Amino acid sequence: MTDVKSIAKLAHLTLTNQELKLYSKQFKAILGYIDQLSKVDTKGIKPTFQTIDNTTNIWRNDKVRPCLTQKQALSSASKTHQGYFVADHVFSPTNLPSSSFPRRRESIKSKEKQDEYGAILTKVDSKGTVGHKDLFCTKGIETTAGSKVLLGYIPQYSATLVKQLENLGLKTKHKLNQDAWGHGSSGENSDFFPTQNPWDKKRVAGGSSSGSAATVATGEVELATGTDTCGSIRMPSAYCNVTGLKPTYGAISRYGLIAFASSLDCPGLITTSAKKLKKIYKSVAVPDPLDATSQSPSRNKTKTKPIKTIGVPKEFLLKGLDPKIKTLTLKAADQFKKAGYKIKEVSLPHAHLAIATYYIIAPVEASSNLARYDGVRYGYPRNHFGPEAKRRIMLGTFASSVGYADKYYEKAAKVRTLIINDFKKAFGSVDAILAPISPTPAFLLGEKVDDPLKLYLMDIYTAPASLAGLPAVSVPCGFSNKLPVGMQLIGPRWNDLELLNLAEKYQQLTNWHKQKPNI
């Protein structure tokens, strides 16, 4: 408990004694699981910290562009004085609680449900057609990232993807619920209320893009944006029987996206079919001068080829996978085989290490990205972070601290390289990979909230592609006990359109994606 208290201090978090006891117990289990990385031979392996095609930096000439006025920049500040932000005094006693920071408001009002599934956070325009995950900044429209820390925050600009869709005539209809900051696989980590699954309101909708998948499933919106850092588009798409794309890392601009884990965050799209996804993807997957990670020199030079051979990773079909999901996955492979595709078993021998790897790399990046939230420039102080955000901030602070960075962060980055190499080897003999998305169908609300490690392990099949920066499409492939089941199609970097063609072919052969919940 003393160690957790020290970590919390480093992370500028104030914990109650009850929280200290809880996190101490949880960290012991999580770090015990992560310790399996120490047994992996990574001698001579270079660490992978970023997946942008071996590009170490993107240089551009400075250009003077219009920017926020001083009034706009100060508009969300807790307190100002003569054009400056007002912060806590640097010589204040270090034991002051975070609530001592000056704030605009004395108390936080929770948001109210806007629909029966808890999928909508803010109604914007009834004539709109698009729902945006609340991680995307929308000019003049409240953006919370699903967290009370940002309750009341009104951005002065919109994310690039939001503007691109507006230019296509697709106006914003709703801002959508999500796990706070993108931290979660179920939609239960929203600071406001969990999203319920339209197929069974007693079950989760998947996360973190829970509201995005749920509103597309109900027909409330035709298209929704989402982000996928470790399955956050694929998981809810599978649970809600919709089609979602996690693009190649860098294919769609991250500008204006509230960052979770910068080397993993992928803005993407959710709708009802691969055909619709393909049409929108072609319009928004372009380099953005405001996002260096979208400017890969490889995006237009990579030679893609039609998919003829599909690999099924044997490691994804072992113990832990629901037998009915295994059957549906293999049936999907058989349908491709009948359609003329060659099906081949492949191996991803380090895939089982993906969760342990991810839960070092992602929290380290999250702790860095969330360090800016102090209640001074915008939002509320750090004591308003939810339980999962605090857990990840502290885990990342610990893993990147002096004396532990080599043992945890660098080690995880080397295992990440091994996972990437596994995919490269597999794609030497196949053009795409077909795999399950989740070990089980949508589980009951509250079933896993008391054991974060169990919830983390739900991402076991989605983490590998995220760590490697690969494109993946979530496609409905059947039902288990009346609950939707999805599969994922994974391809080499920049093979997004060929994957969408493959998904469209499957949806021409089946009608799973046309099934709607009884609402």
Protein backbone atom coordinates (compact mmCIF):
# COMPACT_ATOMS: atom_id res chain seq x y z
CA MET A 1 0.00 0.00 0.00
CA THR A 2 2.96 2.31 0.65
CA ASP A 3 4.15 1.74 -2.94
CA VAL A 4 0.76 2.66 -4.41
CA LYS A 5 0.67 5.77 -2.25
CA SER A 6 4.07 6.81 -3.62
CA ILE A 7 2.98 6.14 -7.20
CA ALA A 8 -0.19 8.20 -6.67
CA LYS A 9 1.94 11.08 -5.42
CA LEU A 10 4.14 10.89 -8.52
CA ALA A 11 0.99 10.93 -10.65
CA HIS A 12 -0.47 13.89 -8.72
CA LEU A 13 -3.47 11.86 -7.61
CA THR A 14 -5.08 11.94 -4.19
CA LEU A 15 -6.46 8.58 -3.03
CA THR A 16 -8.61 7.59 -0.10
CA ASN A 17 -7.51 4.75 2.19
CA GLN A 18 -10.17 2.56 0.62
CA GLU A 19 -8.76 3.30 -2.85
CA LEU A 20 -5.23 2.57 -1.66
CA LYS A 21 -6.27 -0.87 -0.44
CA LEU A 22 -8.21 -1.63 -3.63
CA TYR A 23 -5.47 -0.52 -6.03
CA SER A 24 -2.80 -2.35 -4.05
CA LYS A 25 -4.71 -5.61 -4.49
CA GLN A 26 -5.44 -4.98 -8.17
CA PHE A 27 -1.90 -3.91 -9.04
CA LYS A 28 -0.54 -7.09 -7.51
CA ALA A 29 -2.71 -9.17 -9.84
CA ILE A 30 -2.04 -7.03 -12.92
CA LEU A 31 1.73 -6.87 -12.45
CA GLY A 32 1.75 -10.58 -11.69
CA TYR A 33 0.16 -11.20 -15.08
CA ILE A 34 2.48 -8.75 -16.84
CA ASP A 35 5.52 -10.45 -15.29
CA GLN A 36 5.29 -13.16 -17.98
CA LEU A 37 7.11 -10.72 -20.27
CA SER A 38 10.25 -11.08 -18.16
CA LYS A 39 10.55 -14.69 -19.31
CA VAL A 40 10.56 -13.80 -23.00
CA ASP A 41 13.93 -13.83 -24.76
CA THR A 42 14.31 -10.40 -26.36
CA LYS A 43 18.09 -10.37 -26.70
CA GLY A 44 19.06 -8.48 -29.84
CA ILE A 45 15.46 -7.33 -30.46
CA LYS A 46 14.98 -3.62 -31.10
CA PRO A 47 12.07 -1.99 -29.25
CA THR A 48 9.12 -0.64 -31.26
CA PHE A 49 7.75 2.57 -29.84
CA GLN A 50 5.91 3.70 -33.00
CA THR A 51 4.54 1.91 -36.07
CA ILE A 52 4.74 4.64 -38.72
CA ASP A 53 6.70 2.68 -41.34
CA ASN A 54 10.14 3.12 -39.78
CA THR A 55 9.78 6.89 -40.02
CA THR A 56 11.46 8.42 -36.98
CA ASN A 57 10.25 11.97 -37.53
CA ILE A 58 8.20 14.08 -39.88
CA TRP A 59 9.65 17.50 -40.61
CA ARG A 60 7.75 20.42 -42.01
CA ASN A 61 8.51 24.09 -42.42
CA ASP A 62 6.91 26.41 -39.91
CA LYS A 63 3.98 28.32 -41.34
CA VAL A 64 2.03 31.11 -39.73
CA ARG A 65 -1.61 30.10 -39.64
CA PRO A 66 -4.71 31.57 -37.98
CA CYS A 67 -4.95 30.38 -34.39
CA LEU A 68 -7.17 30.83 -31.36
CA THR A 69 -7.62 34.34 -30.06
CA GLN A 70 -6.63 35.00 -26.47
CA LYS A 71 -10.31 35.09 -25.54
CA GLN A 72 -10.91 31.69 -27.14
CA ALA A 73 -7.83 30.17 -25.52
CA LEU A 74 -8.95 31.35 -22.08
CA SER A 75 -12.62 30.48 -22.56
CA SER A 76 -12.46 27.16 -20.69
CA ALA A 77 -10.11 28.26 -17.92
CA SER A 78 -11.12 27.72 -14.32
CA LYS A 79 -9.95 31.18 -13.40
CA THR A 80 -8.13 34.00 -15.22
CA HIS A 81 -6.42 37.25 -14.31
CA GLN A 82 -5.59 39.99 -16.81
CA GLY A 83 -5.31 37.57 -19.71
CA TYR A 84 -3.48 34.81 -17.82
CA PHE A 85 -4.48 31.41 -16.50
CA VAL A 86 -4.57 31.27 -12.71
CA ALA A 87 -3.02 28.16 -11.15
CA ASP A 88 -2.35 26.96 -7.64
CA HIS A 89 0.54 28.78 -5.96
CA VAL A 90 3.83 26.93 -6.56
CA PHE A 91 4.81 27.36 -2.91
CA SER A 92 1.54 25.98 -1.55
CA PRO A 93 1.93 23.06 0.87
CA THR A 94 2.39 19.81 -1.08
CA ASN A 95 -0.26 18.03 0.97
CA LEU A 96 -3.10 20.22 -0.25
CA PRO A 97 -5.85 18.13 -1.84
CA SER A 98 -6.44 18.64 -5.54
CA SER A 99 -9.74 20.30 -4.70
CA SER A 100 -7.73 23.34 -3.59
CA PHE A 101 -7.25 24.31 -7.23
CA PRO A 102 -9.34 27.28 -8.33
CA ARG A 103 -12.38 26.16 -10.27
CA ARG A 104 -15.12 27.70 -12.31
CA ARG A 105 -17.80 25.67 -10.56
CA GLU A 106 -18.02 24.32 -7.04
CA SER A 107 -19.87 21.11 -7.85
CA ILE A 108 -20.24 18.73 -10.76
CA LYS A 109 -23.65 17.95 -12.16
CA SER A 110 -23.87 14.53 -13.76
CA LYS A 111 -25.29 14.22 -17.27
CA GLU A 112 -28.74 12.82 -17.85
CA LYS A 113 -29.55 9.95 -20.19
CA GLN A 114 -30.70 11.14 -23.58
CA ASP A 115 -31.95 7.73 -24.76
CA GLU A 116 -32.99 4.39 -23.27
CA TYR A 117 -29.61 2.73 -23.90
CA GLY A 118 -27.39 5.44 -22.42
CA ALA A 119 -25.66 5.74 -25.78
CA ILE A 120 -26.12 9.48 -26.33
CA LEU A 121 -24.39 12.13 -24.21
CA THR A 122 -25.37 15.27 -26.12
CA LYS A 123 -28.10 15.80 -28.70
CA VAL A 124 -26.85 18.26 -31.30
CA ASP A 125 -28.99 18.43 -34.44
CA SER A 126 -32.04 16.29 -35.16
CA LYS A 127 -31.39 16.73 -38.90
CA GLY A 128 -27.87 15.34 -38.59
CA THR A 129 -26.82 11.85 -39.70
CA VAL A 130 -23.55 11.22 -37.84
CA GLY A 131 -22.81 10.40 -34.23
CA HIS A 132 -19.37 11.27 -32.90
CA LYS A 133 -17.68 9.43 -30.09
CA ASP A 134 -17.18 12.06 -27.40
CA LEU A 135 -13.42 11.72 -27.79
CA PHE A 136 -13.60 13.89 -30.94
CA CYS A 137 -13.46 17.65 -30.44
CA THR A 138 -16.48 19.41 -31.94
CA LYS A 139 -16.39 23.18 -32.19
CA GLY A 140 -18.98 24.80 -29.97
CA ILE A 141 -20.33 21.43 -28.77
CA GLU A 142 -19.53 19.95 -25.36
CA THR A 143 -16.82 17.28 -25.52
CA THR A 144 -16.18 15.24 -22.38
CA ALA A 145 -14.26 12.11 -23.44
CA GLY A 146 -16.79 10.32 -21.23
CA SER A 147 -15.16 11.87 -18.15
CA LYS A 148 -16.40 14.25 -15.46
CA VAL A 149 -13.01 15.95 -15.65
CA LEU A 150 -14.09 17.54 -18.95
CA LEU A 151 -17.75 18.08 -18.13
CA GLY A 152 -18.71 21.44 -19.59
CA TYR A 153 -15.67 21.70 -21.89
CA ILE A 154 -16.53 23.45 -25.17
CA PRO A 155 -13.78 23.08 -27.82
CA GLN A 156 -12.88 26.02 -30.01
CA TYR A 157 -12.13 23.79 -33.01
CA SER A 158 -13.25 20.48 -34.53
CA ALA A 159 -11.26 17.34 -35.17
CA THR A 160 -10.11 16.81 -38.76
CA LEU A 161 -12.37 13.75 -39.18
CA VAL A 162 -15.38 15.74 -37.96
CA LYS A 163 -14.66 18.50 -40.50
CA GLN A 164 -14.08 15.98 -43.29
CA LEU A 165 -17.49 14.42 -42.69
CA GLU A 166 -19.12 17.84 -42.51
CA ASN A 167 -17.58 18.65 -45.89
CA LEU A 168 -19.25 15.52 -47.24
CA GLY A 169 -22.59 16.87 -46.01
CA LEU A 170 -22.69 14.57 -42.99
CA LYS A 171 -23.70 16.77 -40.10
CA THR A 172 -23.38 15.90 -36.42
CA LYS A 173 -26.54 14.53 -34.84
CA HIS A 174 -25.22 13.35 -31.45
CA LYS A 175 -22.13 13.16 -29.28
CA LEU A 176 -21.91 9.60 -28.01
CA ASN A 177 -21.14 7.82 -24.76
CA GLN A 178 -17.90 5.92 -24.21
CA ASP A 179 -15.59 4.51 -21.58
CA ALA A 180 -13.89 7.58 -20.07
CA TRP A 181 -10.80 8.55 -22.09
CA GLY A 182 -11.21 5.34 -24.14
CA HIS A 183 -10.27 3.14 -21.17
CA GLY A 184 -12.36 0.00 -21.41
CA SER A 185 -13.85 -2.89 -23.37
CA SER A 186 -17.42 -2.76 -22.12
CA GLY A 187 -18.75 0.81 -22.03
CA GLU A 188 -19.12 0.57 -18.25
CA ASN A 189 -16.24 2.93 -17.48
CA SER A 190 -18.11 6.03 -18.60
CA ASP A 191 -18.14 8.51 -15.72
CA PHE A 192 -21.83 9.15 -16.41
CA PHE A 193 -23.64 5.85 -17.04
CA PRO A 194 -22.93 2.58 -18.87
CA THR A 195 -24.15 1.99 -22.41
CA GLN A 196 -26.64 -0.87 -22.68
CA ASN A 197 -26.65 -3.35 -25.55
CA PRO A 198 -29.67 -2.89 -27.88
CA TRP A 199 -29.86 -6.69 -28.29
CA ASP A 200 -30.16 -7.22 -24.53
CA LYS A 201 -30.26 -4.23 -22.19
CA LYS A 202 -28.85 -6.35 -19.36
CA ARG A 203 -25.60 -6.72 -21.28
CA VAL A 204 -22.71 -4.47 -22.24
CA ALA A 205 -22.49 -2.81 -25.63
CA GLY A 206 -18.70 -3.20 -25.78
CA GLY A 207 -16.15 -0.45 -25.51
CA SER A 208 -14.75 1.96 -25.57
CA SER A 209 -16.84 3.15 -28.56
CA SER A 210 -19.99 1.84 -26.90
CA GLY A 211 -22.38 4.64 -27.86
CA SER A 212 -21.13 4.59 -31.46
CA ALA A 213 -21.99 0.92 -32.03
CA ALA A 214 -25.26 1.08 -30.11
CA THR A 215 -26.66 4.07 -32.02
CA VAL A 216 -25.78 2.52 -35.40
CA ALA A 217 -27.41 -0.76 -34.31
CA THR A 218 -30.65 0.99 -33.37
CA GLY A 219 -30.67 3.11 -36.53
CA GLU A 220 -30.42 6.32 -34.51
CA VAL A 221 -27.49 7.36 -36.75
CA GLU A 222 -26.37 6.06 -40.14
CA LEU A 223 -22.68 6.45 -39.36
CA ALA A 224 -20.63 6.90 -36.20
CA THR A 225 -17.03 7.73 -35.56
CA GLY A 226 -15.05 5.71 -33.07
CA THR A 227 -11.51 5.06 -32.01
CA ASP A 228 -9.70 1.75 -31.72
CA THR A 229 -6.69 1.58 -29.42
CA CYS A 230 -7.09 -2.08 -28.49
CA GLY A 231 -10.36 -3.21 -30.05
CA SER A 232 -12.51 -0.22 -29.13
CA ILE A 233 -14.23 -0.23 -32.52
CA ARG A 234 -14.11 -3.97 -33.17
CA MET A 235 -15.44 -5.12 -29.79
CA PRO A 236 -18.60 -2.96 -29.69
CA SER A 237 -19.21 -3.63 -33.39
CA ALA A 238 -19.16 -7.37 -32.69
CA TYR A 239 -21.42 -7.07 -29.64
CA CYS A 240 -23.96 -4.87 -31.43
CA ASN A 241 -23.96 -6.59 -34.87
CA VAL A 242 -22.60 -3.67 -36.89
CA THR A 243 -19.58 -3.27 -39.16
CA GLY A 244 -16.55 -1.33 -37.95
CA LEU A 245 -13.14 -0.39 -39.32
CA LYS A 246 -9.95 0.04 -37.36
CA PRO A 247 -7.75 1.49 -40.11
CA THR A 248 -4.02 1.25 -40.55
CA TYR A 249 -2.38 3.39 -37.86
CA GLY A 250 -1.91 6.79 -39.52
CA ALA A 251 -4.53 6.32 -42.24
CA ILE A 252 -7.07 8.71 -40.67
CA SER A 253 -5.98 11.90 -38.93
CA ARG A 254 -5.79 11.97 -35.13
CA TYR A 255 -5.89 15.78 -35.03
CA GLY A 256 -8.58 16.95 -32.63
CA LEU A 257 -8.83 13.54 -30.98
CA ILE A 258 -8.42 13.58 -27.20
CA ALA A 259 -5.40 11.34 -26.84
CA PHE A 260 -5.34 8.07 -24.91
CA ALA A 261 -2.25 6.16 -26.13
CA SER A 262 -0.60 8.06 -28.96
CA SER A 263 1.18 5.17 -30.70
CA LEU A 264 -2.01 3.09 -30.73
CA ASP A 265 -5.01 5.43 -31.16
CA CYS A 266 -6.78 4.90 -34.48
CA PRO A 267 -9.81 7.00 -35.44
CA GLY A 268 -12.24 4.85 -37.41
CA LEU A 269 -15.81 4.37 -38.57
CA ILE A 270 -18.84 2.24 -37.69
CA THR A 271 -21.87 1.69 -39.91
CA THR A 272 -24.12 -1.13 -41.14
CA SER A 273 -22.05 -2.56 -43.99
CA ALA A 274 -18.57 -2.81 -45.47
CA LYS A 275 -19.85 -1.20 -48.67
CA LYS A 276 -20.80 1.97 -46.78
CA LEU A 277 -17.52 1.93 -44.85
CA LYS A 278 -15.51 1.74 -48.05
CA LYS A 279 -17.24 4.76 -49.55
CA ILE A 280 -16.59 6.98 -46.53
CA TYR A 281 -13.08 5.64 -45.90
CA LYS A 282 -11.93 6.68 -49.39
CA SER A 283 -12.90 10.28 -48.60
CA VAL A 284 -11.31 10.63 -45.15
CA ALA A 285 -8.14 8.51 -45.37
CA VAL A 286 -5.88 11.30 -46.61
CA PRO A 287 -2.72 12.90 -45.18
CA ASP A 288 -3.36 15.75 -42.78
CA PRO A 289 -0.72 18.50 -42.37
CA LEU A 290 -1.89 18.86 -38.76
CA ASP A 291 -1.05 15.23 -37.90
CA ALA A 292 2.47 13.99 -38.60
CA THR A 293 1.46 10.35 -38.08
CA SER A 294 -0.88 10.60 -41.08
CA GLN A 295 1.92 11.61 -43.43
CA SER A 296 3.64 8.26 -43.94
CA PRO A 297 5.60 8.14 -47.22
CA SER A 298 4.53 4.49 -47.54
CA ARG A 299 0.79 5.09 -47.79
CA ASN A 300 0.86 5.70 -51.56
CA LYS A 301 3.84 3.48 -52.35
CA THR A 302 2.72 0.23 -50.78
CA LYS A 303 1.63 -2.21 -53.46
CA THR A 304 -1.58 -3.97 -52.54
CA LYS A 305 -2.96 -7.03 -54.23
CA PRO A 306 -6.36 -8.71 -54.25
CA ILE A 307 -6.85 -11.11 -51.36
CA LYS A 308 -6.78 -14.76 -52.42
CA THR A 309 -5.41 -16.60 -49.38
CA ILE A 310 -6.84 -16.14 -45.87
CA GLY A 311 -5.00 -17.31 -42.77
CA VAL A 312 -6.61 -18.55 -39.56
CA PRO A 313 -4.24 -18.23 -36.55
CA LYS A 314 -4.21 -21.46 -34.59
CA GLU A 315 -3.38 -19.66 -31.33
CA PHE A 316 -6.71 -17.78 -31.48
CA LEU A 317 -8.76 -20.99 -31.45
CA LEU A 318 -7.37 -22.56 -28.30
CA LYS A 319 -8.59 -22.71 -24.70
CA GLY A 320 -10.52 -19.64 -23.54
CA LEU A 321 -12.59 -19.15 -26.70
CA ASP A 322 -16.33 -19.80 -26.42
CA PRO A 323 -16.98 -23.02 -28.45
CA LYS A 324 -19.90 -21.41 -30.29
CA ILE A 325 -17.75 -18.46 -31.35
CA LYS A 326 -15.07 -20.87 -32.55
CA THR A 327 -17.68 -22.71 -34.63
CA LEU A 328 -19.01 -19.49 -36.18
CA THR A 329 -15.45 -18.31 -36.97
CA LEU A 330 -14.61 -21.55 -38.74
CA LYS A 331 -17.95 -21.48 -40.59
CA ALA A 332 -17.03 -18.03 -41.91
CA ALA A 333 -13.70 -19.45 -43.10
CA ASP A 334 -15.61 -22.27 -44.84
CA GLN A 335 -17.84 -19.76 -46.62
CA PHE A 336 -14.79 -17.97 -47.96
CA LYS A 337 -13.40 -21.35 -49.06
CA LYS A 338 -16.61 -22.15 -50.95
CA ALA A 339 -16.35 -18.74 -52.61
CA GLY A 340 -12.94 -19.63 -54.03
CA TYR A 341 -10.53 -18.33 -51.39
CA LYS A 342 -7.73 -20.50 -50.08
CA ILE A 343 -7.83 -21.03 -46.31
CA LYS A 344 -4.57 -21.73 -44.51
CA GLU A 345 -3.58 -22.17 -40.87
CA VAL A 346 -1.00 -19.63 -39.68
CA SER A 347 0.84 -19.07 -36.43
CA LEU A 348 1.17 -15.94 -34.31
CA PRO A 349 3.31 -17.43 -31.52
CA HIS A 350 3.64 -14.23 -29.48
CA ALA A 351 -0.01 -13.18 -29.69
CA HIS A 352 -0.72 -14.50 -26.19
CA LEU A 353 1.68 -11.84 -24.87
CA ALA A 354 -0.26 -8.97 -26.44
CA ILE A 355 -2.36 -8.09 -23.38
CA ALA A 356 0.64 -8.00 -21.05
CA THR A 357 2.47 -5.87 -23.62
CA TYR A 358 -0.44 -3.54 -24.22
CA TYR A 359 -1.07 -2.93 -20.51
CA ILE A 360 2.42 -1.55 -20.16
CA ILE A 361 2.66 0.53 -23.33
CA ALA A 362 -0.86 2.00 -23.27
CA PRO A 363 -0.87 3.09 -19.58
CA VAL A 364 2.58 4.68 -19.97
CA GLU A 365 1.31 6.75 -22.88
CA ALA A 366 -2.00 7.43 -21.09
CA SER A 367 -0.25 8.71 -17.96
CA SER A 368 1.71 11.13 -20.13
CA ASN A 369 -1.32 12.31 -22.12
CA LEU A 370 -3.51 12.74 -19.04
CA ALA A 371 -0.85 14.72 -17.16
CA ARG A 372 -2.18 17.93 -18.73
CA TYR A 373 -5.54 17.69 -16.98
CA ASP A 374 -5.13 19.77 -13.83
CA GLY A 375 -8.27 21.89 -13.83
CA VAL A 376 -6.41 25.07 -14.71
CA ARG A 377 -6.74 25.57 -18.47
CA TYR A 378 -9.94 23.56 -18.87
CA GLY A 379 -12.01 21.00 -17.03
CA TYR A 380 -11.87 19.96 -13.41
CA PRO A 381 -8.98 18.93 -11.14
CA ARG A 382 -7.45 15.47 -11.07
CA ASN A 383 -9.49 14.24 -8.13
CA HIS A 384 -12.39 13.89 -10.57
CA PHE A 385 -10.71 11.13 -12.58
CA GLY A 386 -12.70 7.89 -12.44
CA PRO A 387 -11.39 4.60 -11.02
CA GLU A 388 -10.13 3.15 -14.32
CA ALA A 389 -8.37 6.37 -15.33
CA LYS A 390 -6.60 6.51 -11.97
CA ARG A 391 -5.63 2.84 -12.31
CA ARG A 392 -4.07 3.36 -15.73
CA ILE A 393 -2.38 6.63 -14.83
CA MET A 394 -0.70 5.00 -11.84
CA LEU A 395 0.20 1.84 -13.73
CA GLY A 396 1.82 3.93 -16.47
CA THR A 397 3.57 6.20 -13.98
CA PHE A 398 5.04 3.14 -12.26
CA ALA A 399 6.12 1.39 -15.47
CA SER A 400 7.91 4.49 -16.76
CA SER A 401 9.51 5.59 -13.49
CA VAL A 402 13.22 5.48 -12.75
CA GLY A 403 14.38 1.93 -12.12
CA TYR A 404 11.37 0.32 -13.81
CA ALA A 405 11.32 1.76 -17.34
CA ASP A 406 13.79 -0.83 -18.68
CA LYS A 407 12.13 -3.71 -16.87
CA TYR A 408 8.63 -2.88 -18.03
CA TYR A 409 8.31 -0.28 -20.80
CA GLU A 410 11.33 -1.15 -22.91
CA LYS A 411 10.73 -4.86 -22.43
CA ALA A 412 7.14 -4.46 -23.63
CA ALA A 413 8.34 -2.47 -26.63
CA LYS A 414 10.66 -5.34 -27.59
CA VAL A 415 7.87 -7.90 -27.28
CA ARG A 416 5.81 -5.58 -29.47
CA THR A 417 8.48 -6.04 -32.12
CA LEU A 418 8.15 -9.82 -31.84
CA ILE A 419 4.38 -9.53 -32.35
CA ILE A 420 4.93 -7.35 -35.43
CA ASN A 421 7.45 -9.85 -36.80
CA ASP A 422 4.92 -12.67 -36.33
CA PHE A 423 2.44 -10.81 -38.53
CA LYS A 424 5.08 -10.09 -41.18
CA LYS A 425 5.94 -13.77 -41.35
CA ALA A 426 2.27 -14.77 -41.56
CA PHE A 427 1.62 -12.27 -44.35
CA GLY A 428 4.44 -13.89 -46.29
CA SER A 429 2.09 -16.79 -47.01
CA VAL A 430 -1.43 -15.27 -46.68
CA ASP A 431 -3.07 -12.03 -47.81
CA ALA A 432 -5.38 -11.56 -44.83
CA ILE A 433 -6.11 -13.12 -41.46
CA LEU A 434 -9.53 -14.17 -40.15
CA ALA A 435 -9.92 -14.36 -36.37
CA PRO A 436 -12.44 -13.99 -33.54
CA ILE A 437 -12.82 -10.61 -31.85
CA SER A 438 -13.98 -11.50 -28.35
CA PRO A 439 -13.66 -14.73 -26.33
CA THR A 440 -17.40 -14.52 -25.53
CA PRO A 441 -20.53 -12.73 -26.72
CA ALA A 442 -21.59 -9.59 -24.84
CA PHE A 443 -21.46 -10.27 -21.11
CA LEU A 444 -23.76 -9.02 -18.36
CA LEU A 445 -23.45 -5.48 -17.04
CA GLY A 446 -21.46 -5.54 -13.80
CA GLU A 447 -20.10 -9.04 -14.42
CA LYS A 448 -16.44 -8.01 -14.61
CA VAL A 449 -16.26 -4.54 -13.05
CA ASP A 450 -14.71 -5.74 -9.79
CA ASP A 451 -11.84 -7.55 -11.54
CA PRO A 452 -10.06 -5.27 -14.04
CA LEU A 453 -7.68 -8.04 -15.17
CA LYS A 454 -10.64 -10.17 -16.33
CA LEU A 455 -11.92 -7.20 -18.30
CA TYR A 456 -8.47 -6.53 -19.78
CA LEU A 457 -8.27 -10.14 -20.99
CA MET A 458 -11.38 -9.62 -23.14
CA ASP A 459 -9.04 -7.78 -25.55
CA ILE A 460 -6.83 -10.84 -26.05
CA TYR A 461 -7.72 -11.15 -29.78
CA THR A 462 -7.83 -7.44 -30.63
CA ALA A 463 -4.57 -6.30 -29.00
CA PRO A 464 -2.13 -7.89 -31.50
CA ALA A 465 -3.32 -5.93 -34.56
CA SER A 466 -3.36 -2.70 -32.52
CA LEU A 467 0.21 -3.16 -31.33
CA ALA A 468 1.30 -3.82 -34.92
CA GLY A 469 -0.60 -0.84 -36.37
CA LEU A 470 -2.53 -3.07 -38.79
CA PRO A 471 -5.97 -2.50 -40.35
CA ALA A 472 -8.82 -4.72 -39.15
CA VAL A 473 -12.51 -4.90 -40.03
CA SER A 474 -15.17 -6.19 -37.65
CA VAL A 475 -17.85 -8.14 -39.52
CA PRO A 476 -21.01 -9.80 -38.10
CA CYS A 477 -20.78 -13.59 -38.59
CA GLY A 478 -23.69 -15.10 -36.67
CA PHE A 479 -25.43 -15.40 -33.32
CA SER A 480 -24.86 -17.35 -30.11
CA ASN A 481 -27.89 -17.66 -27.83
CA LYS A 482 -29.51 -14.78 -29.72
CA LEU A 483 -26.46 -12.53 -29.13
CA PRO A 484 -24.42 -11.15 -32.05
CA VAL A 485 -20.96 -12.54 -32.82
CA GLY A 486 -18.37 -10.77 -34.96
CA MET A 487 -15.13 -11.79 -36.62
CA GLN A 488 -12.21 -9.62 -37.63
CA LEU A 489 -10.34 -9.53 -40.92
CA ILE A 490 -6.76 -8.29 -40.46
CA GLY A 491 -4.41 -7.24 -43.24
CA PRO A 492 -0.94 -5.80 -43.84
CA ARG A 493 -0.46 -2.05 -43.38
CA TRP A 494 -2.24 0.09 -45.98
CA ASN A 495 -4.33 -2.85 -47.19
CA ASP A 496 -7.51 -1.30 -45.77
CA LEU A 497 -9.47 -1.15 -49.03
CA GLU A 498 -8.70 -4.77 -49.92
CA LEU A 499 -9.90 -5.80 -46.46
CA LEU A 500 -13.11 -3.84 -46.98
CA ASN A 501 -13.54 -5.55 -50.36
CA LEU A 502 -13.15 -8.91 -48.61
CA ALA A 503 -15.67 -7.92 -45.93
CA GLU A 504 -18.09 -6.73 -48.61
CA LYS A 505 -17.74 -10.08 -50.40
CA TYR A 506 -18.63 -11.92 -47.18
CA GLN A 507 -21.66 -9.68 -46.68
CA GLN A 508 -22.79 -10.49 -50.22
CA LEU A 509 -22.71 -14.16 -49.26
CA THR A 510 -24.48 -13.74 -45.89
CA ASN A 511 -27.15 -11.60 -44.28
CA TRP A 512 -25.90 -11.51 -40.66
CA HIS A 513 -25.18 -7.77 -40.92
CA LYS A 514 -28.81 -7.12 -41.93
CA GLN A 515 -30.22 -8.48 -38.67
CA LYS A 516 -31.57 -5.76 -36.37
CA PRO A 517 -32.36 -5.80 -32.64
CA ASN A 518 -36.01 -5.86 -31.59
CA ILE A 519 -36.48 -2.33 -30.32
